[in-house]
């Protein structure tokens, strides 16, 4: 699917060439499938154009007032059309109606597009982490 597209190519697993790249891709495709089926996160929002899915995001309710965004993807053929922003605004609206007060999301440091999307939607950086991989071979 073009929605799943290349979302994994900004992950730390993709950039660490010690990981089998096909397995990295399968991991992210599996995450998306589980999200759509409600097996991992609680909700999957899907935006369609002409009855075809072009963007998605998953959401997990953590407690009475906190929810987490799991994964976000936009079909590469539809990028730059504010579809991610539309989806996030819908998620935010729905969670406000459910009286949630905190929505969190984690993204890769090199994923500048995602960072801009979240900042544009009112998110602020609350924490930064660095992850290092060393292969003991």
C-alpha atoms as a PDB file:
ATOM      1  CA  UNK A   1       0.000   0.000   0.000  1.00  0.00           C
ATOM      2  CA  UNK A   2       1.163   3.540  -0.691  1.00  0.00           C
ATOM      3  CA  UNK A   3      -0.060   4.516   2.766  1.00  0.00           C
ATOM      4  CA  UNK A   4       2.416   2.213   4.441  1.00  0.00           C
ATOM      5  CA  UNK A   5       4.814   3.379   1.797  1.00  0.00           C
ATOM      6  CA  UNK A   6       8.179   4.266   3.170  1.00  0.00           C
ATOM      7  CA  UNK A   7       7.230   5.327   6.708  1.00  0.00           C
ATOM      8  CA  UNK A   8       9.848   2.995   8.105  1.00  0.00           C
ATOM      9  CA  UNK A   9      12.708   4.695   6.231  1.00  0.00           C
ATOM     10  CA  UNK A  10      13.080   7.365   8.919  1.00  0.00           C
ATOM     11  CA  UNK A  11      13.279   4.873  11.773  1.00  0.00           C
ATOM     12  CA  UNK A  12      16.439   4.126  13.694  1.00  0.00           C
ATOM     13  CA  UNK A  13      16.077   0.505  12.624  1.00  0.00           C
ATOM     14  CA  UNK A  14      16.246   1.459   8.967  1.00  0.00           C
ATOM     15  CA  UNK A  15      19.382   3.550   9.421  1.00  0.00           C
ATOM     16  CA  UNK A  16      21.129   0.771  11.354  1.00  0.00           C
ATOM     17  CA  UNK A  17      22.095  -1.484   8.457  1.00  0.00           C
ATOM     18  CA  UNK A  18      22.716  -4.348  10.900  1.00  0.00           C
ATOM     19  CA  UNK A  19      18.947  -4.847  10.951  1.00  0.00           C
ATOM     20  CA  UNK A  20      17.553  -6.850   8.051  1.00  0.00           C
ATOM     21  CA  UNK A  21      15.810  -4.139   6.006  1.00  0.00           C
ATOM     22  CA  UNK A  22      13.039  -6.460   4.851  1.00  0.00           C
ATOM     23  CA  UNK A  23      12.262  -7.314   8.484  1.00  0.00           C
ATOM     24  CA  UNK A  24      12.181  -3.610   9.367  1.00  0.00           C
ATOM     25  CA  UNK A  25       9.659  -3.031   6.583  1.00  0.00           C
ATOM     26  CA  UNK A  26       7.612  -6.047   7.740  1.00  0.00           C
ATOM     27  CA  UNK A  27       7.643  -4.725  11.318  1.00  0.00           C
ATOM     28  CA  UNK A  28       6.106  -1.399  10.267  1.00  0.00           C
ATOM     29  CA  UNK A  29       3.626  -3.048   7.895  1.00  0.00           C
ATOM     30  CA  UNK A  30       2.573  -5.345  10.754  1.00  0.00           C
ATOM     31  CA  UNK A  31       2.189  -2.355  13.071  1.00  0.00           C
ATOM     32  CA  UNK A  32      -0.119  -0.727  10.524  1.00  0.00           C
ATOM     33  CA  UNK A  33      -2.187  -3.901  10.058  1.00  0.00           C
ATOM     34  CA  UNK A  34      -2.547  -4.387  13.821  1.00  0.00           C
ATOM     35  CA  UNK A  35      -3.524  -0.729  14.169  1.00  0.00           C
ATOM     36  CA  UNK A  36      -6.254  -1.019  11.549  1.00  0.00           C
ATOM     37  CA  UNK A  37      -7.601  -4.177  13.220  1.00  0.00           C
ATOM     38  CA  UNK A  38      -7.477  -2.629  16.700  1.00  0.00           C
ATOM     39  CA  UNK A  39      -5.015  -5.252  17.927  1.00  0.00           C
ATOM     40  CA  UNK A  40      -2.351  -2.842  19.109  1.00  0.00           C
ATOM     41  CA  UNK A  41      -3.827   0.607  19.515  1.00  0.00           C
ATOM     42  CA  UNK A  42      -7.454   1.343  20.374  1.00  0.00           C
ATOM     43  CA  UNK A  43      -8.460   3.351  17.296  1.00  0.00           C
ATOM     44  CA  UNK A  44      -7.366   3.761  13.717  1.00  0.00           C
ATOM     45  CA  UNK A  45      -8.451   6.889  11.870  1.00  0.00           C
ATOM     46  CA  UNK A  46      -8.399   6.552   8.096  1.00  0.00           C
ATOM     47  CA  UNK A  47      -8.830   9.393   5.617  1.00  0.00           C
ATOM     48  CA  UNK A  48     -10.126   8.388   2.196  1.00  0.00           C
ATOM     49  CA  UNK A  49     -10.146  10.102  -1.181  1.00  0.00           C
ATOM     50  CA  UNK A  50     -12.443   8.541  -3.795  1.00  0.00           C
ATOM     51  CA  UNK A  51     -13.054   5.597  -1.431  1.00  0.00           C
ATOM     52  CA  UNK A  52      -9.316   4.878  -1.247  1.00  0.00           C
ATOM     53  CA  UNK A  53      -7.363   5.211   2.016  1.00  0.00           C
ATOM     54  CA  UNK A  54      -4.721   7.924   1.690  1.00  0.00           C
ATOM     55  CA  UNK A  55      -3.799   8.685   5.312  1.00  0.00           C
ATOM     56  CA  UNK A  56      -4.106   7.066   8.717  1.00  0.00           C
ATOM     57  CA  UNK A  57      -3.204   7.408  12.363  1.00  0.00           C
ATOM     58  CA  UNK A  58      -3.641   5.124  15.345  1.00  0.00           C
ATOM     59  CA  UNK A  59      -4.494   6.137  18.912  1.00  0.00           C
ATOM     60  CA  UNK A  60      -4.181   4.291  22.214  1.00  0.00           C
ATOM     61  CA  UNK A  61      -6.050   5.369  25.329  1.00  0.00           C
ATOM     62  CA  UNK A  62      -3.606   5.152  28.253  1.00  0.00           C
ATOM     63  CA  UNK A  63      -5.736   6.238  31.189  1.00  0.00           C
ATOM     64  CA  UNK A  64      -8.667   8.498  31.972  1.00  0.00           C
ATOM     65  CA  UNK A  65      -7.039  11.643  30.620  1.00  0.00           C
ATOM     66  CA  UNK A  66      -4.058  10.581  28.457  1.00  0.00           C
ATOM     67  CA  UNK A  67      -3.879   9.098  24.961  1.00  0.00           C
ATOM     68  CA  UNK A  68      -0.951   8.304  22.669  1.00  0.00           C
ATOM     69  CA  UNK A  69      -0.679   8.530  18.908  1.00  0.00           C
ATOM     70  CA  UNK A  70       0.900   5.306  17.695  1.00  0.00           C
ATOM     71  CA  UNK A  71       1.779   5.693  14.048  1.00  0.00           C
ATOM     72  CA  UNK A  72       0.884   8.176  11.310  1.00  0.00           C
ATOM     73  CA  UNK A  73       1.165   7.668   7.580  1.00  0.00           C
ATOM     74  CA  UNK A  74       0.180   9.555   4.447  1.00  0.00           C
ATOM     75  CA  UNK A  75       0.241   8.103   0.952  1.00  0.00           C
ATOM     76  CA  UNK A  76       3.305   9.609  -0.701  1.00  0.00           C
ATOM     77  CA  UNK A  77       1.137  10.599  -3.684  1.00  0.00           C
ATOM     78  CA  UNK A  78      -0.922  12.815  -1.358  1.00  0.00           C
ATOM     79  CA  UNK A  79       1.795  14.381   0.771  1.00  0.00           C
ATOM     80  CA  UNK A  80       1.790  18.149   1.128  1.00  0.00           C
ATOM     81  CA  UNK A  81      -2.027  18.381   1.122  1.00  0.00           C
ATOM     82  CA  UNK A  82      -2.463  18.819   4.912  1.00  0.00           C
ATOM     83  CA  UNK A  83      -4.038  15.375   5.299  1.00  0.00           C
ATOM     84  CA  UNK A  84      -1.954  14.653   8.397  1.00  0.00           C
ATOM     85  CA  UNK A  85      -3.131  17.925   9.901  1.00  0.00           C
ATOM     86  CA  UNK A  86      -6.771  17.079   9.129  1.00  0.00           C
ATOM     87  CA  UNK A  87      -6.406  13.685  10.792  1.00  0.00           C
ATOM     88  CA  UNK A  88      -4.747  15.118  13.888  1.00  0.00           C
ATOM     89  CA  UNK A  89      -7.426  17.788  14.232  1.00  0.00           C
ATOM     90  CA  UNK A  90     -10.087  15.051  14.122  1.00  0.00           C
ATOM     91  CA  UNK A  91      -8.227  13.000  16.751  1.00  0.00           C
ATOM     92  CA  UNK A  92      -7.784  16.059  18.975  1.00  0.00           C
ATOM     93  CA  UNK A  93     -11.464  16.986  18.623  1.00  0.00           C
ATOM     94  CA  UNK A  94     -12.646  13.456  19.426  1.00  0.00           C
ATOM     95  CA  UNK A  95     -10.382  13.189  22.469  1.00  0.00           C
ATOM     96  CA  UNK A  96     -11.486  16.607  23.752  1.00  0.00           C
ATOM     97  CA  UNK A  97     -15.101  15.433  23.457  1.00  0.00           C
ATOM     98  CA  UNK A  98     -14.150  12.399  25.559  1.00  0.00           C
ATOM     99  CA  UNK A  99     -12.609  14.820  28.093  1.00  0.00           C
ATOM    100  CA  UNK A 100      -9.009  13.746  27.532  1.00  0.00           C
ATOM    101  CA  UNK A 101      -6.535  16.420  28.551  1.00  0.00           C
ATOM    102  CA  UNK A 102      -3.221  15.011  27.262  1.00  0.00           C
ATOM    103  CA  UNK A 103      -2.286  13.647  23.839  1.00  0.00           C
ATOM    104  CA  UNK A 104       1.277  12.423  23.359  1.00  0.00           C
ATOM    105  CA  UNK A 105       3.280  11.316  20.345  1.00  0.00           C
ATOM    106  CA  UNK A 106       6.835  10.090  19.808  1.00  0.00           C
ATOM    107  CA  UNK A 107       8.743  10.551  16.570  1.00  0.00           C
ATOM    108  CA  UNK A 108      12.240  10.080  15.222  1.00  0.00           C
ATOM    109  CA  UNK A 109      14.578  13.056  15.482  1.00  0.00           C
ATOM    110  CA  UNK A 110      15.350  12.948  11.772  1.00  0.00           C
ATOM    111  CA  UNK A 111      11.655  12.957  10.830  1.00  0.00           C
ATOM    112  CA  UNK A 112      11.363  16.701  10.322  1.00  0.00           C
ATOM    113  CA  UNK A 113       8.071  16.381   8.443  1.00  0.00           C
ATOM    114  CA  UNK A 114       6.434  14.697  11.434  1.00  0.00           C
ATOM    115  CA  UNK A 115       7.929  17.240  13.832  1.00  0.00           C
ATOM    116  CA  UNK A 116       6.468  20.100  11.774  1.00  0.00           C
ATOM    117  CA  UNK A 117       3.088  18.343  11.622  1.00  0.00           C
ATOM    118  CA  UNK A 118       2.933  17.939  15.398  1.00  0.00           C
ATOM    119  CA  UNK A 119       4.182  21.469  16.100  1.00  0.00           C
ATOM    120  CA  UNK A 120       1.652  22.912  13.643  1.00  0.00           C
ATOM    121  CA  UNK A 121      -1.052  20.993  15.519  1.00  0.00           C
ATOM    122  CA  UNK A 122      -0.050  22.551  18.843  1.00  0.00           C
ATOM    123  CA  UNK A 123       2.223  19.859  20.265  1.00  0.00           C
ATOM    124  CA  UNK A 124       5.300  20.982  22.186  1.00  0.00           C
ATOM    125  CA  UNK A 125       8.486  19.028  22.753  1.00  0.00           C
ATOM    126  CA  UNK A 126       8.475  17.601  26.258  1.00  0.00           C
ATOM    127  CA  UNK A 127      11.309  15.101  26.058  1.00  0.00           C
ATOM    128  CA  UNK A 128      14.195  14.054  23.817  1.00  0.00           C
ATOM    129  CA  UNK A 129      16.016  10.731  23.861  1.00  0.00           C
ATOM    130  CA  UNK A 130      19.018   9.410  21.989  1.00  0.00           C
ATOM    131  CA  UNK A 131      19.206   5.718  21.166  1.00  0.00           C
ATOM    132  CA  UNK A 132      22.471   4.032  20.260  1.00  0.00           C
ATOM    133  CA  UNK A 133      22.956   0.573  18.794  1.00  0.00           C
ATOM    134  CA  UNK A 134      26.245  -1.303  19.116  1.00  0.00           C
ATOM    135  CA  UNK A 135      26.514  -4.725  17.594  1.00  0.00           C
ATOM    136  CA  UNK A 136      28.883  -6.964  19.551  1.00  0.00           C
ATOM    137  CA  UNK A 137      30.272  -9.098  16.766  1.00  0.00           C
END
